[in-house]
Each structure stands twice: as structure tokens, then as C-alpha cells.
Amino acid sequence: MLTLVVVALVPFLYTVYLSLHEIRHAQVGDWAGLANYRTLLANPRFWHSAGISLLFIAIAVPLEFGLGLAGALVLNQGVRLRSLIIPVLFVPTMMAPVVVAILWKIMLAGSWGLLSYNLIERFGILTGTSVLASPSLALYALVLVDVWQWTPFMMLAFFAGLQSLPLTPYRAAAVDGASDLQAFRRLTLPLMAPLMAVIGLLRLIDAFKVFDTIFLLTGGGPGTATESTSLFVYKTVFDFWDLGPASATAVVIWIMFFVFANGFYQIARRKLGAF
């Protein structure tokens, strides 16, 4: 308990303390009340970054969830070479973010990258520049990278859940003449719902916090086209040394996620039996 307080609670309380004070040149000054929060909430760049983060989550997480579940169902059918496929699926998730960024930087580089040359330019989707330098496509490229890295993790987690399901209800359903689709809807989905809720929540939180891949691939650009909330906080601190609003941003994000996670927890516990 003491470790939890020291590791988690003390830094958070200190962040709240900083958010309520004037900070100049990294020196804590006078009491500022809610001035930092008013400055933050009046900053359109903060709301833009929040919108980028939400759009990133809204596209990436459902794709990873759906593809991961579909892949797990295929693996669960006893496909050939499954014992070789499963270890390969660990590779993207185990890669360090800097390695993933370098890999995709090369794949999407200008007119000579593997995907840029053979797919994007050849079919006229984008010419004369890198997809990562396009204000309209850079975010979707980052979503592609995230889906590539984390779909295998979702697949393996769901596959583990499918492997642990009891066989008796499926045998009874087969005796009653239930089709595969009916068995999926009436048995697999309800039995997997608690695991899906937990995995989905964890992935959603992790996607919102994404920083390293975006920082390394686009730096939040071009302009602010891919500037997520994490990038916004980083630049507020290390580019502008505006520690008061940056601390207020951390507190606001914590409050938002606390409300969301608590609501999700209550719904998942009551409706799905999760947690």
C-alpha cells in the first residue's frame, strides 16, 4: 500500500499542485487557482489534439478488435502450421517502438519506400511526397502502423480466450442442430464478453497514450495534423516550458479517463460479468 502511494499517488498529487500554481522557468511561483485550466480549455490546439487522439482511437481500436477476433476464430479452427504462426504473431508486439518507427519510415518513405512506390504512387493515391508528409493521409498512416503492431496481440489474447471456453455447451448446441453462426452469437460472444471488455478497455487506454510512434514518424506534423494529446503535452513542456497548462492537461486527461473507465467498469461488471 505504501509503495502504491509513493509510486502513483504522490506524483499525481504533485502534478495537481503544479497545475494550481504559476510556473516560470521551471520555478514554482504564486498560487494561480484555476488560471492554468482556463488557459488550457481556451487553447484550440488542446481541443484539436484531443480530437486527433479520439479519431485515432475510433479508427484503430475497432479495426484491431475486429481483425484480432476474426484471426483468433480462424486460428481456433485448427489451421495448418498454427504452431509456427503463433510465435510469428508475437513479433510486431514485441518490437520496440523505435524499431517499428524506422521500419515504417522506410516502408512509407517518399517515392522509394516499399509501400509508397508499389502501392501509393503506382495507383495514383499520392504522388510527389511522402504519405507521412500529407496532412490528409498522415494520421491514417499512423493508424495503419498501430493496427499492424497491435492486431496480433488482440488475436493472441482472443485465441487464448477461445481455447479456454468449455466444450459442453457447444456439444449440446450441435445436438440441438445449431449452426456455426448461431453458436457464435449465442455461446461464443456471451462467454467471451468479459475478456473482450477487459482487452478492449486496455487497448483503448493504450491507444490514447500513444506517443513514441507518432513522435518518431511525424513529430505531430505536418503542422499539427497528427498532434495527439500526448504530443501536445510533450511540446507544451519541452518546447514551450509552459509547465502550468501542461500539468493542467495531465489532470484533465486523468479526470476524463477516470470518468470513462469507471463508467465502462460499471457497465462491463453489470452487463457482461467482467472484472
C-alpha atoms as a PDB file:
ATOM      1  CA  MET A   1       0.000   0.000   0.000  1.00  0.00           C
ATOM      2  CA  LEU A   2       2.819   2.362   0.895  1.00  0.00           C
ATOM      3  CA  THR A   3       4.505   1.552  -2.435  1.00  0.00           C
ATOM      4  CA  LEU A   4       1.278   2.339  -4.303  1.00  0.00           C
ATOM      5  CA  VAL A   5       1.008   5.693  -2.546  1.00  0.00           C
ATOM      6  CA  VAL A   6       4.616   6.624  -3.220  1.00  0.00           C
ATOM      7  CA  VAL A   7       4.716   5.425  -6.825  1.00  0.00           C
ATOM      8  CA  ALA A   8       1.292   6.555  -8.034  1.00  0.00           C
ATOM      9  CA  LEU A   9      -0.437   8.936  -5.697  1.00  0.00           C
ATOM     10  CA  VAL A  10       2.399  11.298  -4.716  1.00  0.00           C
ATOM     11  CA  PRO A  11       3.408  12.193  -8.310  1.00  0.00           C
ATOM     12  CA  PHE A  12      -0.228  12.727  -9.238  1.00  0.00           C
ATOM     13  CA  LEU A  13      -0.872  14.989  -6.247  1.00  0.00           C
ATOM     14  CA  TYR A  14       2.280  16.946  -7.077  1.00  0.00           C
ATOM     15  CA  THR A  15       1.002  17.381 -10.640  1.00  0.00           C
ATOM     16  CA  VAL A  16      -2.274  18.742  -9.267  1.00  0.00           C
ATOM     17  CA  TYR A  17      -0.241  21.091  -7.050  1.00  0.00           C
ATOM     18  CA  LEU A  18       1.741  22.344 -10.056  1.00  0.00           C
ATOM     19  CA  SER A  19      -1.423  22.864 -12.093  1.00  0.00           C
ATOM     20  CA  LEU A  20      -2.687  25.289  -9.454  1.00  0.00           C
ATOM     21  CA  HIS A  21       0.433  27.469  -9.386  1.00  0.00           C
ATOM     22  CA  GLU A  22       2.283  29.833 -11.677  1.00  0.00           C
ATOM     23  CA  ILE A  23       5.441  28.216 -13.028  1.00  0.00           C
ATOM     24  CA  ARG A  24       8.132  30.312 -14.700  1.00  0.00           C
ATOM     25  CA  HIS A  25      11.473  28.948 -15.838  1.00  0.00           C
ATOM     26  CA  ALA A  26      10.697  25.692 -14.006  1.00  0.00           C
ATOM     27  CA  GLN A  27      10.284  27.583 -10.718  1.00  0.00           C
ATOM     28  CA  VAL A  28       7.008  27.207  -8.830  1.00  0.00           C
ATOM     29  CA  GLY A  29       5.565  30.644  -8.098  1.00  0.00           C
ATOM     30  CA  ASP A  30       2.377  32.039  -6.645  1.00  0.00           C
ATOM     31  CA  TRP A  31      -0.997  30.370  -6.315  1.00  0.00           C
ATOM     32  CA  ALA A  32      -2.818  30.604  -9.648  1.00  0.00           C
ATOM     33  CA  GLY A  33      -6.068  28.887  -8.805  1.00  0.00           C
ATOM     34  CA  LEU A  34      -7.804  27.625 -11.953  1.00  0.00           C
ATOM     35  CA  ALA A  35      -5.977  30.024 -14.292  1.00  0.00           C
ATOM     36  CA  ASN A  36      -3.958  27.221 -15.907  1.00  0.00           C
ATOM     37  CA  TYR A  37      -7.146  25.259 -16.531  1.00  0.00           C
ATOM     38  CA  ARG A  38      -8.838  28.286 -18.091  1.00  0.00           C
ATOM     39  CA  THR A  39      -5.785  28.830 -20.302  1.00  0.00           C
ATOM     40  CA  LEU A  40      -5.826  25.196 -21.338  1.00  0.00           C
ATOM     41  CA  LEU A  41      -9.535  24.998 -22.082  1.00  0.00           C
ATOM     42  CA  ALA A  42      -9.338  28.211 -24.131  1.00  0.00           C
ATOM     43  CA  ASN A  43      -6.498  26.813 -26.230  1.00  0.00           C
ATOM     44  CA  PRO A  44      -7.870  25.492 -29.563  1.00  0.00           C
ATOM     45  CA  ARG A  45      -4.691  23.466 -30.044  1.00  0.00           C
ATOM     46  CA  PHE A  46      -5.600  21.350 -26.985  1.00  0.00           C
ATOM     47  CA  TRP A  47      -9.039  20.564 -28.390  1.00  0.00           C
ATOM     48  CA  HIS A  48      -7.509  19.812 -31.783  1.00  0.00           C
ATOM     49  CA  SER A  49      -5.091  17.332 -30.193  1.00  0.00           C
ATOM     50  CA  ALA A  50      -7.947  15.738 -28.231  1.00  0.00           C
ATOM     51  CA  GLY A  51      -9.859  15.336 -31.493  1.00  0.00           C
ATOM     52  CA  ILE A  52      -6.828  13.739 -33.159  1.00  0.00           C
ATOM     53  CA  SER A  53      -6.471  11.267 -30.280  1.00  0.00           C
ATOM     54  CA  LEU A  54     -10.163  10.363 -30.357  1.00  0.00           C
ATOM     55  CA  LEU A  55     -10.133   9.928 -34.147  1.00  0.00           C
ATOM     56  CA  PHE A  56      -7.031   7.743 -33.854  1.00  0.00           C
ATOM     57  CA  ILE A  57      -8.781   5.557 -31.255  1.00  0.00           C
ATOM     58  CA  ALA A  58     -12.081   5.472 -33.146  1.00  0.00           C
ATOM     59  CA  ILE A  59     -10.385   4.033 -36.246  1.00  0.00           C
ATOM     60  CA  ALA A  60      -7.527   1.938 -34.837  1.00  0.00           C
ATOM     61  CA  VAL A  61      -9.121   0.121 -31.893  1.00  0.00           C
ATOM     62  CA  PRO A  62     -12.258  -1.218 -33.704  1.00  0.00           C
ATOM     63  CA  LEU A  63     -10.052  -2.396 -36.588  1.00  0.00           C
ATOM     64  CA  GLU A  64      -7.666  -4.148 -34.218  1.00  0.00           C
ATOM     65  CA  PHE A  65     -10.589  -5.615 -32.282  1.00  0.00           C
ATOM     66  CA  GLY A  66     -12.415  -6.925 -35.354  1.00  0.00           C
ATOM     67  CA  LEU A  67      -9.343  -8.237 -37.165  1.00  0.00           C
ATOM     68  CA  GLY A  68      -7.993  -9.755 -33.952  1.00  0.00           C
ATOM     69  CA  LEU A  69     -11.260 -11.577 -33.229  1.00  0.00           C
ATOM     70  CA  ALA A  70     -11.560 -12.801 -36.826  1.00  0.00           C
ATOM     71  CA  GLY A  71      -7.970 -14.046 -36.797  1.00  0.00           C
ATOM     72  CA  ALA A  72      -8.491 -15.773 -33.441  1.00  0.00           C
ATOM     73  CA  LEU A  73     -11.573 -17.572 -34.765  1.00  0.00           C
ATOM     74  CA  VAL A  74      -9.570 -18.787 -37.753  1.00  0.00           C
ATOM     75  CA  LEU A  75      -6.702 -19.954 -35.531  1.00  0.00           C
ATOM     76  CA  ASN A  76      -9.187 -21.728 -33.297  1.00  0.00           C
ATOM     77  CA  GLN A  77     -10.337 -23.852 -36.237  1.00  0.00           C
ATOM     78  CA  GLY A  78      -7.063 -25.741 -36.130  1.00  0.00           C
ATOM     79  CA  VAL A  79      -5.434 -24.267 -39.238  1.00  0.00           C
ATOM     80  CA  ARG A  80      -2.285 -25.903 -40.549  1.00  0.00           C
ATOM     81  CA  LEU A  81       1.072 -24.646 -39.245  1.00  0.00           C
ATOM     82  CA  ARG A  82      -0.636 -22.991 -36.278  1.00  0.00           C
ATOM     83  CA  SER A  83       2.316 -23.829 -34.076  1.00  0.00           C
ATOM     84  CA  LEU A  84       4.502 -21.777 -36.433  1.00  0.00           C
ATOM     85  CA  ILE A  85       2.031 -18.928 -36.990  1.00  0.00           C
ATOM     86  CA  ILE A  86       1.515 -18.161 -33.297  1.00  0.00           C
ATOM     87  CA  PRO A  87       5.186 -17.362 -32.488  1.00  0.00           C
ATOM     88  CA  VAL A  88       5.333 -15.091 -35.575  1.00  0.00           C
ATOM     89  CA  LEU A  89       2.331 -13.159 -34.287  1.00  0.00           C
ATOM     90  CA  PHE A  90       4.365 -12.110 -31.257  1.00  0.00           C
ATOM     91  CA  VAL A  91       6.917 -10.291 -33.428  1.00  0.00           C
ATOM     92  CA  PRO A  92       5.153  -6.930 -34.089  1.00  0.00           C
ATOM     93  CA  THR A  93       4.044  -6.557 -30.480  1.00  0.00           C
ATOM     94  CA  MET A  94       7.495  -7.370 -29.139  1.00  0.00           C
ATOM     95  CA  MET A  95       9.218  -4.789 -31.343  1.00  0.00           C
ATOM     96  CA  ALA A  96      10.483  -1.639 -29.661  1.00  0.00           C
ATOM     97  CA  PRO A  97       8.612   1.492 -30.830  1.00  0.00           C
ATOM     98  CA  VAL A  98      11.796   2.938 -32.338  1.00  0.00           C
ATOM     99  CA  VAL A  99      12.241  -0.194 -34.462  1.00  0.00           C
ATOM    100  CA  VAL A 100       8.613  -0.041 -35.604  1.00  0.00           C
ATOM    101  CA  ALA A 101       9.040   3.638 -36.486  1.00  0.00           C
ATOM    102  CA  ILE A 102      12.209   3.032 -38.508  1.00  0.00           C
ATOM    103  CA  LEU A 103      10.621   0.077 -40.302  1.00  0.00           C
ATOM    104  CA  TRP A 104       7.550   2.057 -41.365  1.00  0.00           C
ATOM    105  CA  LYS A 105       9.568   5.169 -42.112  1.00  0.00           C
ATOM    106  CA  ILE A 106      11.368   3.117 -44.735  1.00  0.00           C
ATOM    107  CA  MET A 107       8.189   1.401 -45.974  1.00  0.00           C
ATOM    108  CA  LEU A 108       6.402   4.744 -46.469  1.00  0.00           C
ATOM    109  CA  ALA A 109       9.380   6.866 -47.467  1.00  0.00           C
ATOM    110  CA  GLY A 110       8.813   9.306 -50.344  1.00  0.00           C
ATOM    111  CA  SER A 111       8.853   7.699 -53.767  1.00  0.00           C
ATOM    112  CA  TRP A 112      11.182   4.812 -52.956  1.00  0.00           C
ATOM    113  CA  GLY A 113       9.561   3.159 -49.945  1.00  0.00           C
ATOM    114  CA  LEU A 114       8.247  -0.355 -50.470  1.00  0.00           C
ATOM    115  CA  LEU A 115       4.590   0.596 -49.998  1.00  0.00           C
ATOM    116  CA  SER A 116       4.992   4.159 -51.274  1.00  0.00           C
ATOM    117  CA  TYR A 117       6.443   3.042 -54.599  1.00  0.00           C
ATOM    118  CA  ASN A 118       4.497  -0.174 -55.233  1.00  0.00           C
ATOM    119  CA  LEU A 119       1.093   0.843 -53.931  1.00  0.00           C
ATOM    120  CA  ILE A 120       0.590   4.513 -53.132  1.00  0.00           C
ATOM    121  CA  GLU A 121       2.326   6.099 -56.151  1.00  0.00           C
ATOM    122  CA  ARG A 122       1.628   3.310 -58.628  1.00  0.00           C
ATOM    123  CA  PHE A 123      -2.122   3.626 -58.142  1.00  0.00           C
ATOM    124  CA  GLY A 124      -2.001   7.429 -58.067  1.00  0.00           C
ATOM    125  CA  ILE A 125      -3.163   7.744 -54.450  1.00  0.00           C
ATOM    126  CA  LEU A 126      -0.424  10.259 -53.694  1.00  0.00           C
ATOM    127  CA  THR A 127       2.482  11.495 -55.797  1.00  0.00           C
ATOM    128  CA  GLY A 128       5.428  13.789 -55.221  1.00  0.00           C
ATOM    129  CA  THR A 129       5.574  13.492 -51.444  1.00  0.00           C
ATOM    130  CA  SER A 130       5.574  11.012 -48.583  1.00  0.00           C
ATOM    131  CA  VAL A 131       2.294   9.836 -47.108  1.00  0.00           C
ATOM    132  CA  LEU A 132       3.686  10.858 -43.727  1.00  0.00           C
ATOM    133  CA  ALA A 133       4.053  14.428 -45.047  1.00  0.00           C
ATOM    134  CA  SER A 134       0.470  14.585 -46.310  1.00  0.00           C
ATOM    135  CA  PRO A 135      -1.867  16.471 -43.918  1.00  0.00           C
ATOM    136  CA  SER A 136      -4.839  14.398 -45.090  1.00  0.00           C
ATOM    137  CA  LEU A 137      -3.182  10.948 -45.021  1.00  0.00           C
ATOM    138  CA  ALA A 138      -0.527  11.057 -42.299  1.00  0.00           C
ATOM    139  CA  LEU A 139      -2.944  10.170 -39.488  1.00  0.00           C
ATOM    140  CA  TYR A 140      -4.276   7.184 -41.415  1.00  0.00           C
ATOM    141  CA  ALA A 141      -0.713   6.011 -41.992  1.00  0.00           C
ATOM    142  CA  LEU A 142      -0.175   6.116 -38.228  1.00  0.00           C
ATOM    143  CA  VAL A 143      -3.384   4.145 -37.744  1.00  0.00           C
ATOM    144  CA  LEU A 144      -2.055   1.557 -40.207  1.00  0.00           C
ATOM    145  CA  VAL A 145       1.148   1.235 -38.180  1.00  0.00           C
ATOM    146  CA  ASP A 146      -0.806   0.851 -34.935  1.00  0.00           C
ATOM    147  CA  VAL A 147      -3.117  -1.770 -36.459  1.00  0.00           C
ATOM    148  CA  TRP A 148      -0.117  -3.668 -37.805  1.00  0.00           C
ATOM    149  CA  GLN A 149       1.598  -3.681 -34.433  1.00  0.00           C
ATOM    150  CA  TRP A 150      -1.311  -4.452 -32.100  1.00  0.00           C
ATOM    151  CA  THR A 151      -3.744  -6.640 -34.086  1.00  0.00           C
ATOM    152  CA  PRO A 152      -1.586  -9.746 -33.463  1.00  0.00           C
ATOM    153  CA  PHE A 153      -1.745  -9.047 -29.723  1.00  0.00           C
ATOM    154  CA  MET A 154      -5.544  -8.868 -29.852  1.00  0.00           C
ATOM    155  CA  MET A 155      -5.601 -12.048 -31.945  1.00  0.00           C
ATOM    156  CA  LEU A 156      -3.478 -13.961 -29.445  1.00  0.00           C
ATOM    157  CA  ALA A 157      -5.483 -12.700 -26.462  1.00  0.00           C
ATOM    158  CA  PHE A 158      -8.788 -13.708 -28.075  1.00  0.00           C
ATOM    159  CA  PHE A 159      -7.337 -17.030 -29.195  1.00  0.00           C
ATOM    160  CA  ALA A 160      -6.311 -17.790 -25.618  1.00  0.00           C
ATOM    161  CA  GLY A 161      -9.863 -16.966 -24.532  1.00  0.00           C
ATOM    162  CA  LEU A 162     -11.387 -19.225 -27.178  1.00  0.00           C
ATOM    163  CA  GLN A 163      -9.132 -22.075 -26.147  1.00  0.00           C
ATOM    164  CA  SER A 164     -10.383 -21.825 -22.564  1.00  0.00           C
ATOM    165  CA  LEU A 165     -14.112 -21.993 -23.419  1.00  0.00           C
ATOM    166  CA  PRO A 166     -15.943 -25.118 -22.191  1.00  0.00           C
ATOM    167  CA  LEU A 167     -16.858 -27.647 -24.880  1.00  0.00           C
ATOM    168  CA  THR A 168     -20.042 -28.963 -23.283  1.00  0.00           C
ATOM    169  CA  PRO A 169     -22.336 -26.070 -24.375  1.00  0.00           C
ATOM    170  CA  TYR A 170     -21.075 -26.412 -27.961  1.00  0.00           C
ATOM    171  CA  ARG A 171     -21.744 -30.161 -27.986  1.00  0.00           C
ATOM    172  CA  ALA A 172     -25.250 -29.538 -26.658  1.00  0.00           C
ATOM    173  CA  ALA A 173     -25.816 -26.867 -29.302  1.00  0.00           C
ATOM    174  CA  ALA A 174     -24.643 -29.249 -32.027  1.00  0.00           C
ATOM    175  CA  VAL A 175     -27.062 -31.905 -30.811  1.00  0.00           C
ATOM    176  CA  ASP A 176     -29.855 -29.309 -30.972  1.00  0.00           C
ATOM    177  CA  GLY A 177     -28.913 -28.506 -34.571  1.00  0.00           C
ATOM    178  CA  ALA A 178     -27.464 -25.036 -34.016  1.00  0.00           C
ATOM    179  CA  SER A 179     -25.456 -23.627 -36.918  1.00  0.00           C
ATOM    180  CA  ASP A 180     -21.927 -22.241 -36.517  1.00  0.00           C
ATOM    181  CA  LEU A 181     -23.271 -18.684 -36.697  1.00  0.00           C
ATOM    182  CA  GLN A 182     -25.879 -19.396 -34.028  1.00  0.00           C
ATOM    183  CA  ALA A 183     -23.259 -20.996 -31.793  1.00  0.00           C
ATOM    184  CA  PHE A 184     -21.050 -17.921 -32.256  1.00  0.00           C
ATOM    185  CA  ARG A 185     -23.836 -15.480 -31.427  1.00  0.00           C
ATOM    186  CA  ARG A 186     -25.429 -17.422 -28.561  1.00  0.00           C
ATOM    187  CA  LEU A 187     -22.357 -19.043 -26.976  1.00  0.00           C
ATOM    188  CA  THR A 188     -19.022 -17.616 -28.092  1.00  0.00           C
ATOM    189  CA  LEU A 189     -19.863 -13.920 -27.823  1.00  0.00           C
ATOM    190  CA  PRO A 190     -21.522 -14.138 -24.362  1.00  0.00           C
ATOM    191  CA  LEU A 191     -18.764 -16.362 -22.977  1.00  0.00           C
ATOM    192  CA  MET A 192     -16.030 -14.155 -24.435  1.00  0.00           C
ATOM    193  CA  ALA A 193     -17.686 -10.863 -23.475  1.00  0.00           C
ATOM    194  CA  PRO A 194     -15.806 -10.355 -20.151  1.00  0.00           C
ATOM    195  CA  LEU A 195     -12.440 -10.964 -21.826  1.00  0.00           C
ATOM    196  CA  MET A 196     -13.387  -8.711 -24.749  1.00  0.00           C
ATOM    197  CA  ALA A 197     -14.348  -5.935 -22.339  1.00  0.00           C
ATOM    198  CA  VAL A 198     -11.044  -6.105 -20.478  1.00  0.00           C
ATOM    199  CA  ILE A 199      -8.883  -6.365 -23.606  1.00  0.00           C
ATOM    200  CA  GLY A 200     -10.852  -3.621 -25.350  1.00  0.00           C
ATOM    201  CA  LEU A 201     -10.519  -1.238 -22.404  1.00  0.00           C
ATOM    202  CA  LEU A 202      -6.791  -1.865 -22.024  1.00  0.00           C
ATOM    203  CA  ARG A 203      -6.201  -1.374 -25.744  1.00  0.00           C
ATOM    204  CA  LEU A 204      -8.282   1.794 -25.801  1.00  0.00           C
ATOM    205  CA  ILE A 205      -6.296   3.311 -22.922  1.00  0.00           C
ATOM    206  CA  ASP A 206      -3.020   2.305 -24.542  1.00  0.00           C
ATOM    207  CA  ALA A 207      -4.064   3.772 -27.906  1.00  0.00           C
ATOM    208  CA  PHE A 208      -4.949   7.076 -26.296  1.00  0.00           C
ATOM    209  CA  LYS A 209      -1.493   7.255 -24.712  1.00  0.00           C
ATOM    210  CA  VAL A 210       0.367   6.533 -27.946  1.00  0.00           C
ATOM    211  CA  PHE A 211       3.367   8.826 -28.182  1.00  0.00           C
ATOM    212  CA  ASP A 212       6.584   7.224 -29.336  1.00  0.00           C
ATOM    213  CA  THR A 213       5.447   6.011 -32.764  1.00  0.00           C
ATOM    214  CA  ILE A 214       3.817   9.343 -33.656  1.00  0.00           C
ATOM    215  CA  PHE A 215       6.761  11.314 -32.289  1.00  0.00           C
ATOM    216  CA  LEU A 216       9.273   9.306 -34.306  1.00  0.00           C
ATOM    217  CA  LEU A 217       7.302   9.112 -37.563  1.00  0.00           C
ATOM    218  CA  THR A 218       5.727  12.555 -37.887  1.00  0.00           C
ATOM    219  CA  GLY A 219       6.544  14.555 -34.744  1.00  0.00           C
ATOM    220  CA  GLY A 220       2.877  15.542 -34.708  1.00  0.00           C
ATOM    221  CA  GLY A 221       3.061  17.044 -38.193  1.00  0.00           C
ATOM    222  CA  PRO A 222       2.733  18.073 -40.874  1.00  0.00           C
ATOM    223  CA  GLY A 223       1.706  21.170 -38.957  1.00  0.00           C
ATOM    224  CA  THR A 224      -0.481  19.745 -36.222  1.00  0.00           C
ATOM    225  CA  ALA A 225      -2.220  17.149 -38.413  1.00  0.00           C
ATOM    226  CA  THR A 226      -1.132  14.215 -36.215  1.00  0.00           C
ATOM    227  CA  GLU A 227      -0.553  16.012 -32.930  1.00  0.00           C
ATOM    228  CA  SER A 228      -2.187  13.768 -30.344  1.00  0.00           C
ATOM    229  CA  THR A 229      -2.807  14.831 -26.767  1.00  0.00           C
ATOM    230  CA  SER A 230       0.426  13.159 -25.636  1.00  0.00           C
ATOM    231  CA  LEU A 231       2.363  15.131 -28.273  1.00  0.00           C
ATOM    232  CA  PHE A 232       0.592  18.321 -27.210  1.00  0.00           C
ATOM    233  CA  VAL A 233       1.649  17.826 -23.582  1.00  0.00           C
ATOM    234  CA  TYR A 234       5.212  16.975 -24.612  1.00  0.00           C
ATOM    235  CA  LYS A 235       5.553  20.122 -26.738  1.00  0.00           C
ATOM    236  CA  THR A 236       3.921  22.272 -24.064  1.00  0.00           C
ATOM    237  CA  VAL A 237       6.560  21.110 -21.590  1.00  0.00           C
ATOM    238  CA  PHE A 238       9.742  20.685 -23.602  1.00  0.00           C
ATOM    239  CA  ASP A 239       9.237  23.151 -26.473  1.00  0.00           C
ATOM    240  CA  PHE A 240       7.467  25.988 -24.647  1.00  0.00           C
ATOM    241  CA  TRP A 241       8.332  25.220 -20.988  1.00  0.00           C
ATOM    242  CA  ASP A 242       4.742  26.048 -20.123  1.00  0.00           C
ATOM    243  CA  LEU A 243       4.531  23.696 -17.165  1.00  0.00           C
ATOM    244  CA  GLY A 244       1.356  25.089 -15.598  1.00  0.00           C
ATOM    245  CA  PRO A 245      -1.016  24.346 -18.513  1.00  0.00           C
ATOM    246  CA  ALA A 246       0.879  21.099 -19.159  1.00  0.00           C
ATOM    247  CA  SER A 247       0.176  19.961 -15.580  1.00  0.00           C
ATOM    248  CA  ALA A 248      -3.448  21.055 -16.002  1.00  0.00           C
ATOM    249  CA  THR A 249      -3.623  18.962 -19.193  1.00  0.00           C
ATOM    250  CA  ALA A 250      -2.395  15.899 -17.311  1.00  0.00           C
ATOM    251  CA  VAL A 251      -5.043  16.395 -14.626  1.00  0.00           C
ATOM    252  CA  VAL A 252      -7.834  16.985 -17.165  1.00  0.00           C
ATOM    253  CA  ILE A 253      -6.872  13.844 -19.091  1.00  0.00           C
ATOM    254  CA  TRP A 254      -6.784  11.868 -15.833  1.00  0.00           C
ATOM    255  CA  ILE A 255     -10.274  13.089 -14.905  1.00  0.00           C
ATOM    256  CA  MET A 256     -11.618  12.251 -18.367  1.00  0.00           C
ATOM    257  CA  PHE A 257     -10.200   8.726 -18.242  1.00  0.00           C
ATOM    258  CA  PHE A 258     -11.278   8.181 -14.653  1.00  0.00           C
ATOM    259  CA  VAL A 259     -14.871   9.035 -15.568  1.00  0.00           C
ATOM    260  CA  PHE A 260     -14.757   6.939 -18.735  1.00  0.00           C
ATOM    261  CA  ALA A 261     -13.026   3.929 -17.150  1.00  0.00           C
ATOM    262  CA  ASN A 262     -15.316   3.988 -14.124  1.00  0.00           C
ATOM    263  CA  GLY A 263     -18.404   4.124 -16.360  1.00  0.00           C
ATOM    264  CA  PHE A 264     -17.020   1.347 -18.562  1.00  0.00           C
ATOM    265  CA  TYR A 265     -16.205  -0.730 -15.475  1.00  0.00           C
ATOM    266  CA  GLN A 266     -19.696  -0.388 -14.044  1.00  0.00           C
ATOM    267  CA  ILE A 267     -21.350  -1.300 -17.355  1.00  0.00           C
ATOM    268  CA  ALA A 268     -18.987  -4.216 -18.031  1.00  0.00           C
ATOM    269  CA  ARG A 269     -19.433  -5.570 -14.495  1.00  0.00           C
ATOM    270  CA  ARG A 270     -23.221  -5.399 -14.546  1.00  0.00           C
ATOM    271  CA  LYS A 271     -23.981  -6.280 -18.164  1.00  0.00           C
ATOM    272  CA  LEU A 272     -21.114  -8.595 -19.101  1.00  0.00           C
ATOM    273  CA  GLY A 273     -19.913 -10.017 -15.800  1.00  0.00           C
ATOM    274  CA  ALA A 274     -16.409  -8.730 -16.462  1.00  0.00           C
ATOM    275  CA  PHE A 275     -13.916  -7.713 -13.774  1.00  0.00           C
END
